[in-house]
PDB file of all heavy atoms in Angstrom:
ATOM      1  N   ALA A   1     237.126  37.918 148.492  1.00  0.00           N
ATOM      2  CA  ALA A   1     236.827  39.034 149.397  1.00  0.00           C
ATOM      3  C   ALA A   1     237.753  40.207 149.107  1.00  0.00           C
ATOM      4  O   ALA A   1     238.959  40.039 148.909  1.00  0.00           O
ATOM      5  CB  ALA A   1     236.974  38.589 150.847  1.00  0.00           C
ATOM      6  N   GLY A   2     237.197  41.397 149.051  1.00  0.00           N
ATOM      7  CA  GLY A   2     237.979  42.616 148.937  1.00  0.00           C
ATOM      8  C   GLY A   2     238.356  43.030 147.544  1.00  0.00           C
ATOM      9  O   GLY A   2     238.959  44.100 147.362  1.00  0.00           O
ATOM     10  N   VAL A   3     238.020  42.236 146.512  1.00  0.00           N
ATOM     11  CA  VAL A   3     238.442  42.607 145.159  1.00  0.00           C
ATOM     12  C   VAL A   3     237.407  43.474 144.445  1.00  0.00           C
ATOM     13  O   VAL A   3     237.730  44.141 143.463  1.00  0.00           O
ATOM     14  CB  VAL A   3     238.744  41.361 144.300  1.00  0.00           C
ATOM     15  CG1 VAL A   3     239.907  40.577 144.891  1.00  0.00           C
ATOM     16  CG2 VAL A   3     237.518  40.487 144.131  1.00  0.00           C
ATOM     17  N   VAL A   4     236.167  43.466 144.904  1.00  0.00           N
ATOM     18  CA  VAL A   4     235.119  44.254 144.271  1.00  0.00           C
ATOM     19  C   VAL A   4     235.022  45.620 144.960  1.00  0.00           C
ATOM     20  O   VAL A   4     234.868  45.705 146.171  1.00  0.00           O
ATOM     21  CB  VAL A   4     233.752  43.537 144.350  1.00  0.00           C
ATOM     22  CG1 VAL A   4     232.645  44.445 143.836  1.00  0.00           C
ATOM     23  CG2 VAL A   4     233.791  42.240 143.564  1.00  0.00           C
ATOM     24  N   ASP A   5     235.126  46.685 144.164  1.00  0.00           N
ATOM     25  CA  ASP A   5     235.015  48.049 144.688  1.00  0.00           C
ATOM     26  C   ASP A   5     233.578  48.523 144.452  1.00  0.00           C
ATOM     27  O   ASP A   5     233.240  49.017 143.380  1.00  0.00           O
ATOM     28  CB  ASP A   5     236.010  48.970 143.980  1.00  0.00           C
ATOM     29  CG  ASP A   5     236.112  50.341 144.645  1.00  0.00           C
ATOM     30  OD1 ASP A   5     235.187  50.685 145.411  1.00  0.00           O
ATOM     31  OD2 ASP A   5     237.106  51.042 144.389  1.00  0.00           O
ATOM     32  N   VAL A   6     232.732  48.335 145.483  1.00  0.00           N
ATOM     33  CA  VAL A   6     231.309  48.651 145.356  1.00  0.00           C
ATOM     34  C   VAL A   6     231.104  50.122 145.033  1.00  0.00           C
ATOM     35  O   VAL A   6     230.174  50.490 144.302  1.00  0.00           O
ATOM     36  CB  VAL A   6     230.558  48.246 146.630  1.00  0.00           C
ATOM     37  CG1 VAL A   6     229.085  48.638 146.540  1.00  0.00           C
ATOM     38  CG2 VAL A   6     230.696  46.746 146.884  1.00  0.00           C
ATOM     39  N   LYS A   7     231.954  50.986 145.537  1.00  0.00           N
ATOM     40  CA  LYS A   7     231.792  52.433 145.331  1.00  0.00           C
ATOM     41  C   LYS A   7     231.888  52.815 143.860  1.00  0.00           C
ATOM     42  O   LYS A   7     231.344  53.843 143.442  1.00  0.00           O
ATOM     43  CB  LYS A   7     232.849  53.205 146.134  1.00  0.00           C
ATOM     44  CG  LYS A   7     232.770  53.010 147.644  1.00  0.00           C
ATOM     45  CD  LYS A   7     233.721  53.928 148.377  1.00  0.00           C
ATOM     46  CE  LYS A   7     235.184  53.683 148.002  1.00  0.00           C
ATOM     47  NZ  LYS A   7     235.625  52.306 148.359  1.00  0.00           N
ATOM     48  N   LYS A   8     232.573  52.009 143.066  1.00  0.00           N
ATOM     49  CA  LYS A   8     232.746  52.337 141.645  1.00  0.00           C
ATOM     50  C   LYS A   8     231.640  51.762 140.764  1.00  0.00           C
ATOM     51  O   LYS A   8     231.589  52.043 139.567  1.00  0.00           O
ATOM     52  CB  LYS A   8     234.110  51.832 141.153  1.00  0.00           C
ATOM     53  CG  LYS A   8     235.287  52.627 141.720  1.00  0.00           C
ATOM     54  CD  LYS A   8     236.590  52.174 141.088  1.00  0.00           C
ATOM     55  CE  LYS A   8     237.757  53.008 141.596  1.00  0.00           C
ATOM     56  NZ  LYS A   8     239.043  52.573 140.984  1.00  0.00           N
ATOM     57  N   LEU A   9     230.767  50.951 141.346  1.00  0.00           N
ATOM     58  CA  LEU A   9     229.693  50.374 140.553  1.00  0.00           C
ATOM     59  C   LEU A   9     228.746  51.458 140.061  1.00  0.00           C
ATOM     60  O   LEU A   9     228.541  52.473 140.735  1.00  0.00           O
ATOM     61  CB  LEU A   9     228.902  49.355 141.379  1.00  0.00           C
ATOM     62  CG  LEU A   9     229.650  48.103 141.841  1.00  0.00           C
ATOM     63  CD1 LEU A   9     228.741  47.245 142.723  1.00  0.00           C
ATOM     64  CD2 LEU A   9     230.153  47.300 140.650  1.00  0.00           C
ATOM     65  N   SER A  10     228.175  51.226 138.892  1.00  0.00           N
ATOM     66  CA  SER A  10     227.150  52.137 138.393  1.00  0.00           C
ATOM     67  C   SER A  10     226.002  52.201 139.405  1.00  0.00           C
ATOM     68  O   SER A  10     225.747  51.235 140.139  1.00  0.00           O
ATOM     69  CB  SER A  10     226.638  51.633 137.044  1.00  0.00           C
ATOM     70  OG  SER A  10     225.557  52.410 136.581  1.00  0.00           O
ATOM     71  N   ALA A  11     225.323  53.318 139.440  1.00  0.00           N
ATOM     72  CA  ALA A  11     224.275  53.539 140.445  1.00  0.00           C
ATOM     73  C   ALA A  11     223.236  52.432 140.449  1.00  0.00           C
ATOM     74  O   ALA A  11     222.684  52.088 141.503  1.00  0.00           O
ATOM     75  CB  ALA A  11     223.608  54.888 140.205  1.00  0.00           C
ATOM     76  N   SER A  12     222.940  51.863 139.289  1.00  0.00           N
ATOM     77  CA  SER A  12     221.908  50.831 139.216  1.00  0.00           C
ATOM     78  C   SER A  12     222.311  49.545 139.929  1.00  0.00           C
ATOM     79  O   SER A  12     221.456  48.698 140.215  1.00  0.00           O
ATOM     80  CB  SER A  12     221.587  50.521 137.752  1.00  0.00           C
ATOM     81  OG  SER A  12     222.753  50.124 137.047  1.00  0.00           O
ATOM     82  N   PHE A  13     223.605  49.389 140.236  1.00  0.00           N
ATOM     83  CA  PHE A  13     224.078  48.189 140.924  1.00  0.00           C
ATOM     84  C   PHE A  13     224.392  48.435 142.396  1.00  0.00           C
ATOM     85  O   PHE A  13     224.351  47.494 143.198  1.00  0.00           O
ATOM     86  CB  PHE A  13     225.331  47.634 140.234  1.00  0.00           C
ATOM     87  CG  PHE A  13     225.085  47.205 138.817  1.00  0.00           C
ATOM     88  CD1 PHE A  13     225.497  48.011 137.755  1.00  0.00           C
ATOM     89  CD2 PHE A  13     224.440  46.027 138.526  1.00  0.00           C
ATOM     90  CE1 PHE A  13     225.269  47.633 136.448  1.00  0.00           C
ATOM     91  CE2 PHE A  13     224.206  45.637 137.224  1.00  0.00           C
ATOM     92  CZ  PHE A  13     224.614  46.444 136.174  1.00  0.00           C
ATOM     93  N   ARG A  14     224.706  49.679 142.755  1.00  0.00           N
ATOM     94  CA  ARG A  14     225.142  49.937 144.127  1.00  0.00           C
ATOM     95  C   ARG A  14     224.068  49.604 145.157  1.00  0.00           C
ATOM     96  O   ARG A  14     224.384  49.267 146.289  1.00  0.00           O
ATOM     97  CB  ARG A  14     225.581  51.396 144.278  1.00  0.00           C
ATOM     98  CG  ARG A  14     226.931  51.690 143.643  1.00  0.00           C
ATOM     99  CD  ARG A  14     227.530  52.971 144.190  1.00  0.00           C
ATOM    100  NE  ARG A  14     226.717  54.134 143.872  1.00  0.00           N
ATOM    101  CZ  ARG A  14     226.847  54.875 142.790  1.00  0.00           C
ATOM    102  NH1 ARG A  14     227.768  54.542 141.878  1.00  0.00           N
ATOM    103  NH2 ARG A  14     226.088  55.930 142.573  1.00  0.00           N
ATOM    104  N   GLY A  15     222.803  49.702 144.798  1.00  0.00           N
ATOM    105  CA  GLY A  15     221.740  49.409 145.756  1.00  0.00           C
ATOM    106  C   GLY A  15     221.316  47.958 145.788  1.00  0.00           C
ATOM    107  O   GLY A  15     220.394  47.598 146.533  1.00  0.00           O
ATOM    108  N   MET A  16     221.971  47.120 145.006  1.00  0.00           N
ATOM    109  CA  MET A  16     221.591  45.706 144.973  1.00  0.00           C
ATOM    110  C   MET A  16     222.112  44.973 146.203  1.00  0.00           C
ATOM    111  O   MET A  16     223.095  45.389 146.821  1.00  0.00           O
ATOM    112  CB  MET A  16     222.143  45.044 143.710  1.00  0.00           C
ATOM    113  CG  MET A  16     221.446  45.487 142.443  1.00  0.00           C
ATOM    114  SD  MET A  16     222.055  44.588 140.988  1.00  0.00           S
ATOM    115  CE  MET A  16     220.939  45.217 139.734  1.00  0.00           C
ATOM    116  N   PRO A  17     221.472  43.854 146.580  1.00  0.00           N
ATOM    117  CA  PRO A  17     221.935  43.087 147.747  1.00  0.00           C
ATOM    118  C   PRO A  17     223.374  42.629 147.570  1.00  0.00           C
ATOM    119  O   PRO A  17     223.743  42.123 146.505  1.00  0.00           O
ATOM    120  CB  PRO A  17     220.976  41.896 147.789  1.00  0.00           C
ATOM    121  CG  PRO A  17     219.774  42.315 147.007  1.00  0.00           C
ATOM    122  CD  PRO A  17     220.272  43.251 145.955  1.00  0.00           C
ATOM    123  N   SER A  18     224.167  42.804 148.599  1.00  0.00           N
ATOM    124  CA  SER A  18     225.581  42.440 148.501  1.00  0.00           C
ATOM    125  C   SER A  18     225.754  40.944 148.262  1.00  0.00           C
ATOM    126  O   SER A  18     226.678  40.525 147.553  1.00  0.00           O
ATOM    127  CB  SER A  18     226.332  42.859 149.769  1.00  0.00           C
ATOM    128  OG  SER A  18     225.769  42.234 150.913  1.00  0.00           O
ATOM    129  N   ASP A  19     224.863  40.119 148.835  1.00  0.00           N
ATOM    130  CA  ASP A  19     225.013  38.680 148.641  1.00  0.00           C
ATOM    131  C   ASP A  19     224.675  38.262 147.212  1.00  0.00           C
ATOM    132  O   ASP A  19     225.047  37.174 146.771  1.00  0.00           O
ATOM    133  CB  ASP A  19     224.170  37.893 149.649  1.00  0.00           C
ATOM    134  CG  ASP A  19     222.694  38.241 149.602  1.00  0.00           C
ATOM    135  OD1 ASP A  19     222.324  39.207 148.904  1.00  0.00           O
ATOM    136  OD2 ASP A  19     221.909  37.557 150.271  1.00  0.00           O
ATOM    137  N   SER A  20     223.979  39.132 146.479  1.00  0.00           N
ATOM    138  CA  SER A  20     223.726  38.879 145.064  1.00  0.00           C
ATOM    139  C   SER A  20     224.925  39.311 144.226  1.00  0.00           C
ATOM    140  O   SER A  20     225.368  38.588 143.320  1.00  0.00           O
ATOM    141  CB  SER A  20     222.476  39.623 144.605  1.00  0.00           C
ATOM    142  OG  SER A  20     222.240  39.442 143.231  1.00  0.00           O
ATOM    143  N   LEU A  21     225.466  40.472 144.528  1.00  0.00           N
ATOM    144  CA  LEU A  21     226.634  40.965 143.791  1.00  0.00           C
ATOM    145  C   LEU A  21     227.856  40.080 143.997  1.00  0.00           C
ATOM    146  O   LEU A  21     228.734  40.010 143.136  1.00  0.00           O
ATOM    147  CB  LEU A  21     226.964  42.389 144.246  1.00  0.00           C
ATOM    148  CG  LEU A  21     225.985  43.483 143.828  1.00  0.00           C
ATOM    149  CD1 LEU A  21     226.321  44.780 144.556  1.00  0.00           C
ATOM    150  CD2 LEU A  21     226.006  43.704 142.317  1.00  0.00           C
ATOM    151  N   ASP A  22     227.912  39.379 145.136  1.00  0.00           N
ATOM    152  CA  ASP A  22     229.066  38.539 145.436  1.00  0.00           C
ATOM    153  C   ASP A  22     229.111  37.252 144.624  1.00  0.00           C
ATOM    154  O   ASP A  22     230.159  36.615 144.532  1.00  0.00           O
ATOM    155  CB  ASP A  22     229.068  38.164 146.928  1.00  0.00           C
ATOM    156  CG  ASP A  22     229.492  39.319 147.819  1.00  0.00           C
ATOM    157  OD1 ASP A  22     230.085  40.283 147.289  1.00  0.00           O
ATOM    158  OD2 ASP A  22     229.219  39.264 149.033  1.00  0.00           O
ATOM    159  N   VAL A  23     227.974  36.849 144.030  1.00  0.00           N
ATOM    160  CA  VAL A  23     227.918  35.549 143.356  1.00  0.00           C
ATOM    161  C   VAL A  23     228.680  35.606 142.036  1.00  0.00           C
ATOM    162  O   VAL A  23     228.365  36.408 141.164  1.00  0.00           O
ATOM    163  CB  VAL A  23     226.462  35.113 143.112  1.00  0.00           C
ATOM    164  CG1 VAL A  23     226.432  33.794 142.330  1.00  0.00           C
ATOM    165  CG2 VAL A  23     225.722  34.959 144.439  1.00  0.00           C
ATOM    166  N   ARG A  24     229.647  34.729 141.904  1.00  0.00           N
ATOM    167  CA  ARG A  24     230.469  34.648 140.692  1.00  0.00           C
ATOM    168  C   ARG A  24     229.832  33.721 139.657  1.00  0.00           C
ATOM    169  O   ARG A  24     229.801  34.032 138.460  1.00  0.00           O
ATOM    170  CB  ARG A  24     231.866  34.140 141.062  1.00  0.00           C
ATOM    171  CG  ARG A  24     232.785  33.904 139.880  1.00  0.00           C
ATOM    172  CD  ARG A  24     234.120  33.381 140.371  1.00  0.00           C
ATOM    173  NE  ARG A  24     234.960  32.939 139.261  1.00  0.00           N
ATOM    174  CZ  ARG A  24     236.159  32.388 139.417  1.00  0.00           C
ATOM    175  NH1 ARG A  24     236.650  32.202 140.635  1.00  0.00           N
ATOM    176  NH2 ARG A  24     236.860  32.008 138.375  1.00  0.00           N
ATOM    177  N   ASP A  25     229.361  32.566 140.079  1.00  0.00           N
ATOM    178  CA  ASP A  25     228.632  31.657 139.200  1.00  0.00           C
ATOM    179  C   ASP A  25     227.825  30.696 140.056  1.00  0.00           C
ATOM    180  O   ASP A  25     228.138  30.469 141.234  1.00  0.00           O
ATOM    181  CB  ASP A  25     229.569  30.896 138.251  1.00  0.00           C
ATOM    182  CG  ASP A  25     230.703  30.199 138.968  1.00  0.00           C
ATOM    183  OD1 ASP A  25     230.428  29.269 139.740  1.00  0.00           O
ATOM    184  OD2 ASP A  25     231.872  30.575 138.749  1.00  0.00           O
ATOM    185  N   VAL A  26     226.785  30.132 139.463  1.00  0.00           N
ATOM    186  CA  VAL A  26     225.888  29.250 140.212  1.00  0.00           C
ATOM    187  C   VAL A  26     225.128  28.374 139.235  1.00  0.00           C
ATOM    188  O   VAL A  26     224.925  28.754 138.064  1.00  0.00           O
ATOM    189  CB  VAL A  26     224.911  30.084 141.084  1.00  0.00           C
ATOM    190  CG1 VAL A  26     223.968  30.900 140.217  1.00  0.00           C
ATOM    191  CG2 VAL A  26     224.128  29.200 142.049  1.00  0.00           C
ATOM    192  N   ILE A  27     224.714  27.210 139.688  1.00  0.00           N
ATOM    193  CA  ILE A  27     223.832  26.335 138.917  1.00  0.00           C
ATOM    194  C   ILE A  27     222.445  26.405 139.531  1.00  0.00           C
ATOM    195  O   ILE A  27     222.269  26.143 140.733  1.00  0.00           O
ATOM    196  CB  ILE A  27     224.344  24.885 138.907  1.00  0.00           C
ATOM    197  CG1 ILE A  27     225.698  24.799 138.198  1.00  0.00           C
ATOM    198  CG2 ILE A  27     223.333  23.961 138.227  1.00  0.00           C
ATOM    199  CD1 ILE A  27     226.346  23.428 138.265  1.00  0.00           C
ATOM    200  N   TYR A  28     221.461  26.777 138.718  1.00  0.00           N
ATOM    201  CA  TYR A  28     220.067  26.821 139.150  1.00  0.00           C
ATOM    202  C   TYR A  28     219.388  25.518 138.743  1.00  0.00           C
ATOM    203  O   TYR A  28     219.347  25.183 137.556  1.00  0.00           O
ATOM    204  CB  TYR A  28     219.330  27.993 138.499  1.00  0.00           C
ATOM    205  CG  TYR A  28     219.875  29.360 138.827  1.00  0.00           C
ATOM    206  CD1 TYR A  28     220.636  30.067 137.892  1.00  0.00           C
ATOM    207  CD2 TYR A  28     219.644  29.945 140.064  1.00  0.00           C
ATOM    208  CE1 TYR A  28     221.128  31.333 138.177  1.00  0.00           C
ATOM    209  CE2 TYR A  28     220.140  31.206 140.361  1.00  0.00           C
ATOM    210  CZ  TYR A  28     220.879  31.885 139.416  1.00  0.00           C
ATOM    211  OH  TYR A  28     221.374  33.148 139.709  1.00  0.00           O
ATOM    212  N   ILE A  29     218.851  24.812 139.710  1.00  0.00           N
ATOM    213  CA  ILE A  29     218.061  23.608 139.437  1.00  0.00           C
ATOM    214  C   ILE A  29     216.604  23.963 139.714  1.00  0.00           C
ATOM    215  O   ILE A  29     216.234  24.305 140.831  1.00  0.00           O
ATOM    216  CB  ILE A  29     218.521  22.422 140.311  1.00  0.00           C
ATOM    217  CG1 ILE A  29     219.980  22.099 140.012  1.00  0.00           C
ATOM    218  CG2 ILE A  29     217.627  21.206 140.089  1.00  0.00           C
ATOM    219  CD1 ILE A  29     220.557  20.994 140.874  1.00  0.00           C
ATOM    220  N   SER A  30     215.791  23.909 138.663  1.00  0.00           N
ATOM    221  CA  SER A  30     214.421  24.408 138.746  1.00  0.00           C
ATOM    222  C   SER A  30     213.417  23.319 138.397  1.00  0.00           C
ATOM    223  O   SER A  30     213.632  22.531 137.472  1.00  0.00           O
ATOM    224  CB  SER A  30     214.222  25.597 137.792  1.00  0.00           C
ATOM    225  OG  SER A  30     215.200  26.591 138.009  1.00  0.00           O
ATOM    226  N   ARG A  31     212.316  23.338 139.123  1.00  0.00           N
ATOM    227  CA  ARG A  31     211.189  22.465 138.843  1.00  0.00           C
ATOM    228  C   ARG A  31     209.910  23.291 138.945  1.00  0.00           C
ATOM    229  O   ARG A  31     209.900  24.330 139.624  1.00  0.00           O
ATOM    230  CB  ARG A  31     211.127  21.308 139.829  1.00  0.00           C
ATOM    231  CG  ARG A  31     212.313  20.330 139.731  1.00  0.00           C
ATOM    232  CD  ARG A  31     212.238  19.267 140.810  1.00  0.00           C
ATOM    233  NE  ARG A  31     213.237  18.233 140.625  1.00  0.00           N
ATOM    234  CZ  ARG A  31     214.476  18.292 141.106  1.00  0.00           C
ATOM    235  NH1 ARG A  31     214.867  19.357 141.777  1.00  0.00           N
ATOM    236  NH2 ARG A  31     215.325  17.297 140.911  1.00  0.00           N
ATOM    237  N   SER A  32     208.868  22.833 138.287  1.00  0.00           N
ATOM    238  CA  SER A  32     207.597  23.509 138.423  1.00  0.00           C
ATOM    239  C   SER A  32     207.172  23.513 139.886  1.00  0.00           C
ATOM    240  O   SER A  32     207.205  22.480 140.550  1.00  0.00           O
ATOM    241  CB  SER A  32     206.538  22.821 137.562  1.00  0.00           C
ATOM    242  OG  SER A  32     205.260  23.359 137.838  1.00  0.00           O
ATOM    243  N   SER A  33     206.811  24.674 140.387  1.00  0.00           N
ATOM    244  CA  SER A  33     206.423  24.772 141.798  1.00  0.00           C
ATOM    245  C   SER A  33     205.111  24.066 142.087  1.00  0.00           C
ATOM    246  O   SER A  33     204.747  23.842 143.230  1.00  0.00           O
ATOM    247  CB  SER A  33     206.317  26.240 142.215  1.00  0.00           C
ATOM    248  OG  SER A  33     205.413  26.937 141.390  1.00  0.00           O
TER     249      SER A  33
END
């Protein structure tokens, strides 16, 4: 928390969902729907 300076992000990222920008790494487990 607090280490990312959203104001300095390029314009293409500033409008993205904050909960997406916050993700550092994740494992996606996918199956055919």
